[in-house]
């Protein structure tokens, strides 16, 4: 599959195929990041399963609310959740090189889901979430 523009990944064959080279580009420069394929898969899984947060509510309000225990409902895939404009879910992945954290943020917009990737130096790259997931699927453990 063709990678999304500005996004390229390669799985190295050493260390049981766990070293993933990720190259992000804004068209002018590029950043090369090394991370665990397993950790990236776990971070993306969190974005699929995690609760969407309403950007119009303060973050502390999600923690302060006590919710009565409700009967367990069957799992609903992410695409069936109510779409709040700008709602998001976030995860972080530790990088091998450069040292630091990669912040992954799935943002729900009217036109579809976006994946924002923030690197340790503060650069933010935005891609179509579904295209990145489809591209990475053969490279990441299931």
C-alpha atoms as a PDB file:
ATOM      1  CA  UNK A   1       0.000   0.000   0.000  1.00  0.00           C
ATOM      2  CA  UNK A   2       1.188   3.502  -0.818  1.00  0.00           C
ATOM      3  CA  UNK A   3       2.044   5.505   2.309  1.00  0.00           C
ATOM      4  CA  UNK A   4       0.185   8.706   3.128  1.00  0.00           C
ATOM      5  CA  UNK A   5       2.056  11.785   1.951  1.00  0.00           C
ATOM      6  CA  UNK A   6       4.673  12.797   4.531  1.00  0.00           C
ATOM      7  CA  UNK A   7       4.508   9.445   6.348  1.00  0.00           C
ATOM      8  CA  UNK A   8       6.807   6.466   5.772  1.00  0.00           C
ATOM      9  CA  UNK A   9       7.632   3.439   7.926  1.00  0.00           C
ATOM     10  CA  UNK A  10      10.027   0.501   7.673  1.00  0.00           C
ATOM     11  CA  UNK A  11      10.280  -2.505   9.961  1.00  0.00           C
ATOM     12  CA  UNK A  12      13.876  -3.569  10.644  1.00  0.00           C
ATOM     13  CA  UNK A  13      14.597  -7.298  10.654  1.00  0.00           C
ATOM     14  CA  UNK A  14      16.707  -7.233  13.806  1.00  0.00           C
ATOM     15  CA  UNK A  15      15.281  -7.690  17.325  1.00  0.00           C
ATOM     16  CA  UNK A  16      12.398  -9.927  16.154  1.00  0.00           C
ATOM     17  CA  UNK A  17      11.076  -7.277  13.776  1.00  0.00           C
ATOM     18  CA  UNK A  18      10.212  -4.868  16.578  1.00  0.00           C
ATOM     19  CA  UNK A  19      12.324  -1.846  15.543  1.00  0.00           C
ATOM     20  CA  UNK A  20      10.228   0.507  13.444  1.00  0.00           C
ATOM     21  CA  UNK A  21      11.761   3.406  11.559  1.00  0.00           C
ATOM     22  CA  UNK A  22       9.208   6.154  11.119  1.00  0.00           C
ATOM     23  CA  UNK A  23       9.905   9.115   8.830  1.00  0.00           C
ATOM     24  CA  UNK A  24       7.615  12.155   9.058  1.00  0.00           C
ATOM     25  CA  UNK A  25       7.875  15.025   6.610  1.00  0.00           C
ATOM     26  CA  UNK A  26       6.199  18.399   6.198  1.00  0.00           C
ATOM     27  CA  UNK A  27       7.474  18.823   2.633  1.00  0.00           C
ATOM     28  CA  UNK A  28      10.422  20.955   3.730  1.00  0.00           C
ATOM     29  CA  UNK A  29      12.226  18.823   6.280  1.00  0.00           C
ATOM     30  CA  UNK A  30      11.843  15.399   7.772  1.00  0.00           C
ATOM     31  CA  UNK A  31      12.205  13.690  11.123  1.00  0.00           C
ATOM     32  CA  UNK A  32      13.451  10.136  11.554  1.00  0.00           C
ATOM     33  CA  UNK A  33      12.100   8.362  14.633  1.00  0.00           C
ATOM     34  CA  UNK A  34      12.892   4.883  15.965  1.00  0.00           C
ATOM     35  CA  UNK A  35      10.357   3.117  18.157  1.00  0.00           C
ATOM     36  CA  UNK A  36       8.944  -0.263  19.084  1.00  0.00           C
ATOM     37  CA  UNK A  37       6.405  -1.590  16.570  1.00  0.00           C
ATOM     38  CA  UNK A  38       4.613  -3.311  19.458  1.00  0.00           C
ATOM     39  CA  UNK A  39       4.346  -0.079  21.466  1.00  0.00           C
ATOM     40  CA  UNK A  40       3.050   1.814  18.437  1.00  0.00           C
ATOM     41  CA  UNK A  41       0.440  -0.909  17.872  1.00  0.00           C
ATOM     42  CA  UNK A  42      -0.624  -0.609  21.521  1.00  0.00           C
ATOM     43  CA  UNK A  43      -0.833   3.188  21.260  1.00  0.00           C
ATOM     44  CA  UNK A  44      -2.992   2.994  18.142  1.00  0.00           C
ATOM     45  CA  UNK A  45      -5.192   0.334  19.775  1.00  0.00           C
ATOM     46  CA  UNK A  46      -5.751   2.748  22.675  1.00  0.00           C
ATOM     47  CA  UNK A  47      -6.919   5.383  20.185  1.00  0.00           C
ATOM     48  CA  UNK A  48      -9.458   2.899  18.805  1.00  0.00           C
ATOM     49  CA  UNK A  49     -10.740   1.730  22.181  1.00  0.00           C
ATOM     50  CA  UNK A  50     -10.281   4.843  24.304  1.00  0.00           C
ATOM     51  CA  UNK A  51     -13.016   7.221  25.335  1.00  0.00           C
ATOM     52  CA  UNK A  52     -13.390  10.309  23.180  1.00  0.00           C
ATOM     53  CA  UNK A  53     -12.991  13.504  25.178  1.00  0.00           C
ATOM     54  CA  UNK A  54     -15.070  16.577  24.431  1.00  0.00           C
ATOM     55  CA  UNK A  55     -12.683  19.492  23.789  1.00  0.00           C
ATOM     56  CA  UNK A  56     -15.273  21.904  25.211  1.00  0.00           C
ATOM     57  CA  UNK A  57     -15.108  20.346  28.682  1.00  0.00           C
ATOM     58  CA  UNK A  58     -12.152  20.975  30.985  1.00  0.00           C
ATOM     59  CA  UNK A  59      -9.945  17.866  31.322  1.00  0.00           C
ATOM     60  CA  UNK A  60     -10.442  17.779  35.090  1.00  0.00           C
ATOM     61  CA  UNK A  61     -14.210  17.366  34.699  1.00  0.00           C
ATOM     62  CA  UNK A  62     -13.694  13.850  33.275  1.00  0.00           C
ATOM     63  CA  UNK A  63     -11.847  12.820  36.427  1.00  0.00           C
ATOM     64  CA  UNK A  64     -14.115  14.506  38.944  1.00  0.00           C
ATOM     65  CA  UNK A  65     -17.385  12.912  37.859  1.00  0.00           C
ATOM     66  CA  UNK A  66     -18.536   9.832  39.710  1.00  0.00           C
ATOM     67  CA  UNK A  67     -20.600   7.652  37.446  1.00  0.00           C
ATOM     68  CA  UNK A  68     -23.014   5.063  38.792  1.00  0.00           C
ATOM     69  CA  UNK A  69     -22.095   1.579  37.691  1.00  0.00           C
ATOM     70  CA  UNK A  70     -24.137   0.670  34.631  1.00  0.00           C
ATOM     71  CA  UNK A  71     -24.772  -2.779  33.232  1.00  0.00           C
ATOM     72  CA  UNK A  72     -22.105  -3.844  30.767  1.00  0.00           C
ATOM     73  CA  UNK A  73     -23.049  -2.957  27.200  1.00  0.00           C
ATOM     74  CA  UNK A  74     -21.772  -4.882  24.203  1.00  0.00           C
ATOM     75  CA  UNK A  75     -18.609  -3.434  22.670  1.00  0.00           C
ATOM     76  CA  UNK A  76     -19.272  -0.940  19.908  1.00  0.00           C
ATOM     77  CA  UNK A  77     -16.559  -0.316  17.304  1.00  0.00           C
ATOM     78  CA  UNK A  78     -15.084   3.183  17.218  1.00  0.00           C
ATOM     79  CA  UNK A  79     -16.896   4.151  14.025  1.00  0.00           C
ATOM     80  CA  UNK A  80     -20.275   3.814  15.793  1.00  0.00           C
ATOM     81  CA  UNK A  81     -19.499   6.305  18.546  1.00  0.00           C
ATOM     82  CA  UNK A  82     -21.250   9.639  18.493  1.00  0.00           C
ATOM     83  CA  UNK A  83     -19.020  12.097  16.656  1.00  0.00           C
ATOM     84  CA  UNK A  84     -18.434  15.266  18.599  1.00  0.00           C
ATOM     85  CA  UNK A  85     -16.734  17.892  16.484  1.00  0.00           C
ATOM     86  CA  UNK A  86     -13.136  18.096  17.716  1.00  0.00           C
ATOM     87  CA  UNK A  87     -13.499  15.200  20.178  1.00  0.00           C
ATOM     88  CA  UNK A  88     -10.230  13.366  20.664  1.00  0.00           C
ATOM     89  CA  UNK A  89      -8.423  10.475  22.286  1.00  0.00           C
ATOM     90  CA  UNK A  90      -4.688  10.485  23.010  1.00  0.00           C
ATOM     91  CA  UNK A  91      -1.889   8.003  23.628  1.00  0.00           C
ATOM     92  CA  UNK A  92       1.859   8.240  23.953  1.00  0.00           C
ATOM     93  CA  UNK A  93       4.652   5.969  22.781  1.00  0.00           C
ATOM     94  CA  UNK A  94       8.235   5.987  24.000  1.00  0.00           C
ATOM     95  CA  UNK A  95      10.865   6.507  21.316  1.00  0.00           C
ATOM     96  CA  UNK A  96      14.248   4.799  21.120  1.00  0.00           C
ATOM     97  CA  UNK A  97      15.724   7.648  19.103  1.00  0.00           C
ATOM     98  CA  UNK A  98      15.538  10.522  19.614  1.00  0.00           C
ATOM     99  CA  UNK A  99      14.782   9.879  23.267  1.00  0.00           C
ATOM    100  CA  UNK A 100      11.384  11.115  24.343  1.00  0.00           C
ATOM    101  CA  UNK A 101       7.701  10.532  23.812  1.00  0.00           C
ATOM    102  CA  UNK A 102       5.641  10.503  20.659  1.00  0.00           C
ATOM    103  CA  UNK A 103       2.140  11.861  21.288  1.00  0.00           C
ATOM    104  CA  UNK A 104      -0.623  10.333  19.174  1.00  0.00           C
ATOM    105  CA  UNK A 105      -3.953  12.118  19.072  1.00  0.00           C
ATOM    106  CA  UNK A 106      -7.009  10.906  17.170  1.00  0.00           C
ATOM    107  CA  UNK A 107      -9.271  13.864  16.447  1.00  0.00           C
ATOM    108  CA  UNK A 108     -12.828  13.425  15.192  1.00  0.00           C
ATOM    109  CA  UNK A 109     -13.802  16.033  12.620  1.00  0.00           C
ATOM    110  CA  UNK A 110     -16.906  16.286  10.459  1.00  0.00           C
ATOM    111  CA  UNK A 111     -14.996  15.035   7.398  1.00  0.00           C
ATOM    112  CA  UNK A 112     -13.434  12.048   9.196  1.00  0.00           C
ATOM    113  CA  UNK A 113     -10.837  11.073  11.744  1.00  0.00           C
ATOM    114  CA  UNK A 114      -7.425  12.702  11.854  1.00  0.00           C
ATOM    115  CA  UNK A 115      -4.227  11.445  13.446  1.00  0.00           C
ATOM    116  CA  UNK A 116      -2.028  14.154  14.948  1.00  0.00           C
ATOM    117  CA  UNK A 117       1.515  13.080  15.760  1.00  0.00           C
ATOM    118  CA  UNK A 118       3.589  15.337  18.003  1.00  0.00           C
ATOM    119  CA  UNK A 119       7.321  14.614  18.167  1.00  0.00           C
ATOM    120  CA  UNK A 120       9.637  15.342  21.120  1.00  0.00           C
ATOM    121  CA  UNK A 121      10.871  18.550  19.468  1.00  0.00           C
ATOM    122  CA  UNK A 122       7.288  19.873  19.255  1.00  0.00           C
ATOM    123  CA  UNK A 123       6.595  19.296  15.563  1.00  0.00           C
ATOM    124  CA  UNK A 124       2.985  18.337  14.795  1.00  0.00           C
ATOM    125  CA  UNK A 125       2.093  16.246  11.751  1.00  0.00           C
ATOM    126  CA  UNK A 126      -1.500  15.557  10.704  1.00  0.00           C
ATOM    127  CA  UNK A 127      -2.689  12.607   8.615  1.00  0.00           C
ATOM    128  CA  UNK A 128      -5.932  10.842   7.771  1.00  0.00           C
ATOM    129  CA  UNK A 129      -6.312   8.290  10.562  1.00  0.00           C
ATOM    130  CA  UNK A 130      -7.739   5.475   8.412  1.00  0.00           C
ATOM    131  CA  UNK A 131      -4.984   5.793   5.775  1.00  0.00           C
ATOM    132  CA  UNK A 132      -2.233   5.577   8.401  1.00  0.00           C
ATOM    133  CA  UNK A 133      -3.891   2.566  10.065  1.00  0.00           C
ATOM    134  CA  UNK A 134      -4.266   0.760   6.728  1.00  0.00           C
ATOM    135  CA  UNK A 135      -0.645   1.520   5.783  1.00  0.00           C
ATOM    136  CA  UNK A 136       0.732   0.363   9.152  1.00  0.00           C
ATOM    137  CA  UNK A 137      -1.459  -2.758   9.445  1.00  0.00           C
ATOM    138  CA  UNK A 138       1.053  -5.140   7.749  1.00  0.00           C
ATOM    139  CA  UNK A 139       3.974  -3.667   9.711  1.00  0.00           C
ATOM    140  CA  UNK A 140       2.523  -3.861  13.219  1.00  0.00           C
ATOM    141  CA  UNK A 141       1.752  -6.895  15.393  1.00  0.00           C
ATOM    142  CA  UNK A 142      -1.954  -7.681  15.690  1.00  0.00           C
END
